[in-house]
């Protein structure tokens, strides 16, 4: 339940407020990765304030790197 506390905390404290619309395919890839992950920080992907880089792009079983943009970075 630590991840739930972190998710609730960060969802209320997000200063960036950038929102990105994810496609259904991207959401499915993220859900798969989170279901097999042992790291609880992965659930920060559900905040909808990050972009994602998937590898390999055309596979259902892939990994992702989530990142946020601030200014031009």
PDB file of N, CA and C in Angstrom:
ATOM      1  N   UNK A   1       0.800  -1.198   0.000  1.00  0.00           N
ATOM      2  CA  UNK A   1       0.000   0.000   0.000  1.00  0.00           C
ATOM      3  C   UNK A   1       0.848   1.271   0.000  1.00  0.00           C
ATOM      4  N   UNK A   2       2.173   1.120   0.088  1.00  0.00           N
ATOM      5  CA  UNK A   2       3.028   2.297   0.030  1.00  0.00           C
ATOM      6  C   UNK A   2       2.851   3.042  -1.280  1.00  0.00           C
ATOM      7  N   UNK A   3       2.710   2.286  -2.379  1.00  0.00           N
ATOM      8  CA  UNK A   3       2.569   2.922  -3.694  1.00  0.00           C
ATOM      9  C   UNK A   3       1.303   3.752  -3.760  1.00  0.00           C
ATOM     10  N   UNK A   4       0.227   3.306  -3.084  1.00  0.00           N
ATOM     11  CA  UNK A   4      -1.023   4.064  -3.109  1.00  0.00           C
ATOM     12  C   UNK A   4      -0.861   5.394  -2.386  1.00  0.00           C
ATOM     13  N   UNK A   5      -0.168   5.378  -1.261  1.00  0.00           N
ATOM     14  CA  UNK A   5       0.087   6.620  -0.537  1.00  0.00           C
ATOM     15  C   UNK A   5       0.916   7.582  -1.375  1.00  0.00           C
ATOM     16  N   UNK A   6       1.935   7.054  -2.053  1.00  0.00           N
ATOM     17  CA  UNK A   6       2.766   7.896  -2.913  1.00  0.00           C
ATOM     18  C   UNK A   6       1.959   8.456  -4.071  1.00  0.00           C
ATOM     19  N   UNK A   7       1.113   7.620  -4.660  1.00  0.00           N
ATOM     20  CA  UNK A   7       0.296   8.065  -5.783  1.00  0.00           C
ATOM     21  C   UNK A   7      -0.639   9.191  -5.363  1.00  0.00           C
ATOM     22  N   UNK A   8      -1.283   9.046  -4.240  1.00  0.00           N
ATOM     23  CA  UNK A   8      -2.189  10.089  -3.761  1.00  0.00           C
ATOM     24  C   UNK A   8      -1.433  11.370  -3.412  1.00  0.00           C
ATOM     25  N   UNK A   9      -0.266  11.223  -2.809  1.00  0.00           N
ATOM     26  CA  UNK A   9       0.528  12.392  -2.460  1.00  0.00           C
ATOM     27  C   UNK A   9       0.956  13.160  -3.708  1.00  0.00           C
ATOM     28  N   UNK A  10       1.538  12.461  -4.677  1.00  0.00           N
ATOM     29  CA  UNK A  10       2.047  13.127  -5.870  1.00  0.00           C
ATOM     30  C   UNK A  10       0.942  13.642  -6.776  1.00  0.00           C
ATOM     31  N   UNK A  11      -0.213  13.020  -6.767  1.00  0.00           N
ATOM     32  CA  UNK A  11      -1.302  13.505  -7.615  1.00  0.00           C
ATOM     33  C   UNK A  11      -1.817  14.848  -7.122  1.00  0.00           C
ATOM     34  N   UNK A  12      -1.697  15.110  -5.839  1.00  0.00           N
ATOM     35  CA  UNK A  12      -2.136  16.396  -5.294  1.00  0.00           C
ATOM     36  C   UNK A  12      -1.036  17.439  -5.294  1.00  0.00           C
ATOM     37  N   UNK A  13       0.216  17.043  -5.396  1.00  0.00           N
ATOM     38  CA  UNK A  13       1.348  17.947  -5.275  1.00  0.00           C
ATOM     39  C   UNK A  13       2.084  18.175  -6.585  1.00  0.00           C
ATOM     40  N   UNK A  14       1.495  17.867  -7.700  1.00  0.00           N
ATOM     41  CA  UNK A  14       2.192  17.957  -8.977  1.00  0.00           C
ATOM     42  C   UNK A  14       2.257  19.403  -9.459  1.00  0.00           C
ATOM     43  N   UNK A  15       3.434  20.040  -9.389  1.00  0.00           N
ATOM     44  CA  UNK A  15       3.533  21.436  -9.820  1.00  0.00           C
ATOM     45  C   UNK A  15       3.589  21.601 -11.336  1.00  0.00           C
ATOM     46  N   UNK A  16       3.927  20.539 -12.054  1.00  0.00           N
ATOM     47  CA  UNK A  16       4.099  20.639 -13.496  1.00  0.00           C
ATOM     48  C   UNK A  16       2.776  20.790 -14.218  1.00  0.00           C
ATOM     49  N   UNK A  17       1.795  20.014 -13.853  1.00  0.00           N
ATOM     50  CA  UNK A  17       0.438  20.054 -14.397  1.00  0.00           C
ATOM     51  C   UNK A  17       0.367  19.863 -15.910  1.00  0.00           C
ATOM     52  N   UNK A  18       1.382  19.284 -16.532  1.00  0.00           N
ATOM     53  CA  UNK A  18       1.273  18.909 -17.939  1.00  0.00           C
ATOM     54  C   UNK A  18       0.485  17.622 -18.012  1.00  0.00           C
ATOM     55  N   UNK A  19      -0.478  17.560 -18.908  1.00  0.00           N
ATOM     56  CA  UNK A  19      -1.243  16.340 -19.068  1.00  0.00           C
ATOM     57  C   UNK A  19      -1.057  15.827 -20.483  1.00  0.00           C
ATOM     58  N   UNK A  20      -0.819  14.542 -20.594  1.00  0.00           N
ATOM     59  CA  UNK A  20      -0.592  13.913 -21.879  1.00  0.00           C
ATOM     60  C   UNK A  20      -1.656  12.854 -22.090  1.00  0.00           C
ATOM     61  N   UNK A  21      -2.223  12.831 -23.259  1.00  0.00           N
ATOM     62  CA  UNK A  21      -3.212  11.817 -23.587  1.00  0.00           C
ATOM     63  C   UNK A  21      -2.500  10.596 -24.143  1.00  0.00           C
ATOM     64  N   UNK A  22      -2.699   9.464 -23.486  1.00  0.00           N
ATOM     65  CA  UNK A  22      -2.087   8.222 -23.908  1.00  0.00           C
ATOM     66  C   UNK A  22      -3.060   7.443 -24.780  1.00  0.00           C
ATOM     67  N   UNK A  23      -2.526   6.750 -25.757  1.00  0.00           N
ATOM     68  CA  UNK A  23      -3.376   5.898 -26.588  1.00  0.00           C
ATOM     69  C   UNK A  23      -3.723   4.633 -25.805  1.00  0.00           C
ATOM     70  N   UNK A  24      -4.725   3.916 -26.267  1.00  0.00           N
ATOM     71  CA  UNK A  24      -5.138   2.675 -25.615  1.00  0.00           C
ATOM     72  C   UNK A  24      -4.004   1.650 -25.621  1.00  0.00           C
ATOM     73  N   UNK A  25      -3.246   1.608 -26.695  1.00  0.00           N
ATOM     74  CA  UNK A  25      -2.108   0.686 -26.787  1.00  0.00           C
ATOM     75  C   UNK A  25      -1.052   1.022 -25.743  1.00  0.00           C
ATOM     76  N   UNK A  26      -0.768   2.303 -25.570  1.00  0.00           N
ATOM     77  CA  UNK A  26       0.225   2.720 -24.574  1.00  0.00           C
ATOM     78  C   UNK A  26      -0.247   2.370 -23.169  1.00  0.00           C
ATOM     79  N   UNK A  27      -1.512   2.565 -22.890  1.00  0.00           N
ATOM     80  CA  UNK A  27      -2.056   2.237 -21.567  1.00  0.00           C
ATOM     81  C   UNK A  27      -1.930   0.737 -21.310  1.00  0.00           C
ATOM     82  N   UNK A  28      -2.214  -0.082 -22.305  1.00  0.00           N
ATOM     83  CA  UNK A  28      -2.095  -1.530 -22.146  1.00  0.00           C
ATOM     84  C   UNK A  28      -0.650  -1.941 -21.886  1.00  0.00           C
ATOM     85  N   UNK A  29       0.291  -1.319 -22.590  1.00  0.00           N
ATOM     86  CA  UNK A  29       1.709  -1.627 -22.374  1.00  0.00           C
ATOM     87  C   UNK A  29       2.125  -1.250 -20.954  1.00  0.00           C
ATOM     88  N   UNK A  30       1.680  -0.095 -20.498  1.00  0.00           N
ATOM     89  CA  UNK A  30       2.016   0.356 -19.145  1.00  0.00           C
ATOM     90  C   UNK A  30       1.420  -0.588 -18.113  1.00  0.00           C
ATOM     91  N   UNK A  31       0.169  -0.973 -18.295  1.00  0.00           N
ATOM     92  CA  UNK A  31      -0.479  -1.881 -17.350  1.00  0.00           C
ATOM     93  C   UNK A  31       0.245  -3.218 -17.286  1.00  0.00           C
ATOM     94  N   UNK A  32       0.674  -3.725 -18.445  1.00  0.00           N
ATOM     95  CA  UNK A  32       1.422  -4.986 -18.442  1.00  0.00           C
ATOM     96  C   UNK A  32       2.721  -4.834 -17.651  1.00  0.00           C
ATOM     97  N   UNK A  33       3.470  -3.781 -17.927  1.00  0.00           N
ATOM     98  CA  UNK A  33       4.749  -3.580 -17.245  1.00  0.00           C
ATOM     99  C   UNK A  33       4.554  -3.443 -15.737  1.00  0.00           C
ATOM    100  N   UNK A  34       3.519  -2.734 -15.324  1.00  0.00           N
ATOM    101  CA  UNK A  34       3.265  -2.571 -13.899  1.00  0.00           C
ATOM    102  C   UNK A  34       2.836  -3.871 -13.245  1.00  0.00           C
ATOM    103  N   UNK A  35       2.140  -4.717 -13.985  1.00  0.00           N
ATOM    104  CA  UNK A  35       1.676  -5.979 -13.401  1.00  0.00           C
ATOM    105  C   UNK A  35       2.826  -6.950 -13.131  1.00  0.00           C
ATOM    106  N   UNK A  36       3.910  -6.858 -13.875  1.00  0.00           N
ATOM    107  CA  UNK A  36       5.040  -7.766 -13.672  1.00  0.00           C
ATOM    108  C   UNK A  36       6.194  -7.113 -12.904  1.00  0.00           C
ATOM    109  N   UNK A  37       6.067  -5.850 -12.598  1.00  0.00           N
ATOM    110  CA  UNK A  37       7.140  -5.121 -11.918  1.00  0.00           C
ATOM    111  C   UNK A  37       7.111  -5.374 -10.416  1.00  0.00           C
ATOM    112  N   UNK A  38       8.288  -5.407  -9.817  1.00  0.00           N
ATOM    113  CA  UNK A  38       8.407  -5.519  -8.366  1.00  0.00           C
ATOM    114  C   UNK A  38       8.649  -4.150  -7.721  1.00  0.00           C
ATOM    115  N   UNK A  39       8.821  -3.135  -8.540  1.00  0.00           N
ATOM    116  CA  UNK A  39       9.115  -1.794  -8.054  1.00  0.00           C
ATOM    117  C   UNK A  39       7.814  -1.011  -7.907  1.00  0.00           C
ATOM    118  N   UNK A  40       7.555  -0.521  -6.719  1.00  0.00           N
ATOM    119  CA  UNK A  40       6.298   0.180  -6.468  1.00  0.00           C
ATOM    120  C   UNK A  40       6.270   1.588  -7.061  1.00  0.00           C
ATOM    121  N   UNK A  41       7.401   2.152  -7.422  1.00  0.00           N
ATOM    122  CA  UNK A  41       7.418   3.502  -7.990  1.00  0.00           C
ATOM    123  C   UNK A  41       6.865   3.552  -9.403  1.00  0.00           C
ATOM    124  N   UNK A  42       6.719   2.422 -10.052  1.00  0.00           N
ATOM    125  CA  UNK A  42       6.172   2.387 -11.394  1.00  0.00           C
ATOM    126  C   UNK A  42       4.758   2.918 -11.483  1.00  0.00           C
ATOM    127  N   UNK A  43       4.032   2.892 -10.390  1.00  0.00           N
ATOM    128  CA  UNK A  43       2.659   3.365 -10.408  1.00  0.00           C
ATOM    129  C   UNK A  43       2.557   4.883 -10.566  1.00  0.00           C
ATOM    130  N   UNK A  44       3.680   5.565 -10.502  1.00  0.00           N
ATOM    131  CA  UNK A  44       3.683   7.001 -10.803  1.00  0.00           C
ATOM    132  C   UNK A  44       3.344   7.247 -12.270  1.00  0.00           C
ATOM    133  N   UNK A  45       3.433   6.196 -13.066  1.00  0.00           N
ATOM    134  CA  UNK A  45       3.063   6.309 -14.481  1.00  0.00           C
ATOM    135  C   UNK A  45       1.587   6.625 -14.646  1.00  0.00           C
ATOM    136  N   UNK A  46       0.786   6.339 -13.643  1.00  0.00           N
ATOM    137  CA  UNK A  46      -0.652   6.549 -13.736  1.00  0.00           C
ATOM    138  C   UNK A  46      -1.073   7.988 -13.483  1.00  0.00           C
ATOM    139  N   UNK A  47      -0.134   8.871 -13.189  1.00  0.00           N
ATOM    140  CA  UNK A  47      -0.478  10.266 -12.893  1.00  0.00           C
ATOM    141  C   UNK A  47      -0.815  11.084 -14.126  1.00  0.00           C
ATOM    142  N   UNK A  48      -0.530  10.582 -15.292  1.00  0.00           N
ATOM    143  CA  UNK A  48      -0.850  11.246 -16.559  1.00  0.00           C
ATOM    144  C   UNK A  48      -0.110  12.578 -16.731  1.00  0.00           C
ATOM    145  N   UNK A  49       1.083  12.684 -16.152  1.00  0.00           N
ATOM    146  CA  UNK A  49       1.873  13.903 -16.302  1.00  0.00           C
ATOM    147  C   UNK A  49       3.233  13.611 -16.928  1.00  0.00           C
ATOM    148  N   UNK A  50       3.364  12.437 -17.517  1.00  0.00           N
ATOM    149  CA  UNK A  50       4.648  12.022 -18.083  1.00  0.00           C
ATOM    150  C   UNK A  50       4.481  11.549 -19.517  1.00  0.00           C
ATOM    151  N   UNK A  51       5.592  11.566 -20.235  1.00  0.00           N
ATOM    152  CA  UNK A  51       5.653  10.950 -21.552  1.00  0.00           C
ATOM    153  C   UNK A  51       6.383   9.623 -21.393  1.00  0.00           C
ATOM    154  N   UNK A  52       6.272   8.772 -22.413  1.00  0.00           N
ATOM    155  CA  UNK A  52       6.842   7.437 -22.319  1.00  0.00           C
ATOM    156  C   UNK A  52       7.649   7.100 -23.556  1.00  0.00           C
ATOM    157  N   UNK A  53       8.746   6.410 -23.314  1.00  0.00           N
ATOM    158  CA  UNK A  53       9.543   5.832 -24.383  1.00  0.00           C
ATOM    159  C   UNK A  53       9.451   4.327 -24.199  1.00  0.00           C
ATOM    160  N   UNK A  54       8.895   3.630 -25.195  1.00  0.00           N
ATOM    161  CA  UNK A  54       8.716   2.186 -25.129  1.00  0.00           C
ATOM    162  C   UNK A  54       9.783   1.488 -25.967  1.00  0.00           C
ATOM    163  N   UNK A  55      10.269   0.350 -25.457  1.00  0.00           N
ATOM    164  CA  UNK A  55      11.206  -0.465 -26.235  1.00  0.00           C
ATOM    165  C   UNK A  55      10.881  -1.933 -26.038  1.00  0.00           C
ATOM    166  N   UNK A  56      10.750  -2.702 -27.062  1.00  0.00           N
ATOM    167  CA  UNK A  56      10.590  -2.303 -28.462  1.00  0.00           C
ATOM    168  C   UNK A  56       9.195  -1.724 -28.686  1.00  0.00           C
ATOM    169  N   UNK A  57       9.082  -0.832 -29.616  1.00  0.00           N
ATOM    170  CA  UNK A  57       7.835  -0.111 -29.822  1.00  0.00           C
ATOM    171  C   UNK A  57       6.691  -0.992 -30.300  1.00  0.00           C
ATOM    172  N   UNK A  58       6.976  -1.978 -31.120  1.00  0.00           N
ATOM    173  CA  UNK A  58       5.919  -2.763 -31.745  1.00  0.00           C
ATOM    174  C   UNK A  58       5.613  -4.072 -31.016  1.00  0.00           C
ATOM    175  N   UNK A  59       5.979  -4.191 -29.766  1.00  0.00           N
ATOM    176  CA  UNK A  59       5.754  -5.411 -29.009  1.00  0.00           C
ATOM    177  C   UNK A  59       4.848  -5.124 -27.814  1.00  0.00           C
ATOM    178  N   UNK A  60       4.012  -6.095 -27.468  1.00  0.00           N
ATOM    179  CA  UNK A  60       3.170  -5.941 -26.279  1.00  0.00           C
ATOM    180  C   UNK A  60       3.997  -6.117 -25.013  1.00  0.00           C
ATOM    181  N   UNK A  61       4.986  -7.004 -25.069  1.00  0.00           N
ATOM    182  CA  UNK A  61       5.852  -7.264 -23.922  1.00  0.00           C
ATOM    183  C   UNK A  61       7.083  -6.382 -24.037  1.00  0.00           C
ATOM    184  N   UNK A  62       6.990  -5.204 -23.522  1.00  0.00           N
ATOM    185  CA  UNK A  62       8.090  -4.256 -23.660  1.00  0.00           C
ATOM    186  C   UNK A  62       8.363  -3.595 -22.315  1.00  0.00           C
ATOM    187  N   UNK A  63       9.326  -2.735 -22.306  1.00  0.00           N
ATOM    188  CA  UNK A  63       9.610  -1.936 -21.132  1.00  0.00           C
ATOM    189  C   UNK A  63       9.424  -0.471 -21.503  1.00  0.00           C
ATOM    190  N   UNK A  64       9.394   0.382 -20.499  1.00  0.00           N
ATOM    191  CA  UNK A  64       9.245   1.801 -20.787  1.00  0.00           C
ATOM    192  C   UNK A  64      10.095   2.633 -19.851  1.00  0.00           C
ATOM    193  N   UNK A  65      10.397   3.810 -20.323  1.00  0.00           N
ATOM    194  CA  UNK A  65      11.016   4.846 -19.506  1.00  0.00           C
ATOM    195  C   UNK A  65      10.030   5.985 -19.471  1.00  0.00           C
ATOM    196  N   UNK A  66       9.663   6.411 -18.280  1.00  0.00           N
ATOM    197  CA  UNK A  66       8.748   7.543 -18.175  1.00  0.00           C
ATOM    198  C   UNK A  66       9.564   8.785 -17.836  1.00  0.00           C
ATOM    199  N   UNK A  67       9.159   9.893 -18.422  1.00  0.00           N
ATOM    200  CA  UNK A  67       9.889  11.135 -18.185  1.00  0.00           C
ATOM    201  C   UNK A  67       8.930  12.307 -18.280  1.00  0.00           C
ATOM    202  N   UNK A  68       9.266  13.353 -17.593  1.00  0.00           N
ATOM    203  CA  UNK A  68       8.468  14.574 -17.627  1.00  0.00           C
ATOM    204  C   UNK A  68       9.236  15.675 -18.320  1.00  0.00           C
ATOM    205  N   UNK A  69       8.504  16.618 -18.835  1.00  0.00           N
ATOM    206  CA  UNK A  69       9.117  17.772 -19.484  1.00  0.00           C
ATOM    207  C   UNK A  69       8.874  18.998 -18.620  1.00  0.00           C
ATOM    208  N   UNK A  70       9.916  19.803 -18.520  1.00  0.00           N
ATOM    209  CA  UNK A  70       9.784  21.059 -17.796  1.00  0.00           C
ATOM    210  C   UNK A  70      10.497  22.110 -18.627  1.00  0.00           C
ATOM    211  N   UNK A  71       9.762  23.079 -19.091  1.00  0.00           N
ATOM    212  CA  UNK A  71      10.334  24.083 -19.977  1.00  0.00           C
ATOM    213  C   UNK A  71      10.719  23.436 -21.282  1.00  0.00           C
ATOM    214  N   UNK A  72      11.976  23.585 -21.671  1.00  0.00           N
ATOM    215  CA  UNK A  72      12.452  22.968 -22.913  1.00  0.00           C
ATOM    216  C   UNK A  72      13.257  21.709 -22.655  1.00  0.00           C
ATOM    217  N   UNK A  73      13.226  21.226 -21.421  1.00  0.00           N
ATOM    218  CA  UNK A  73      13.995  20.025 -21.050  1.00  0.00           C
ATOM    219  C   UNK A  73      13.074  18.838 -20.831  1.00  0.00           C
TER     220      UNK A  73
END
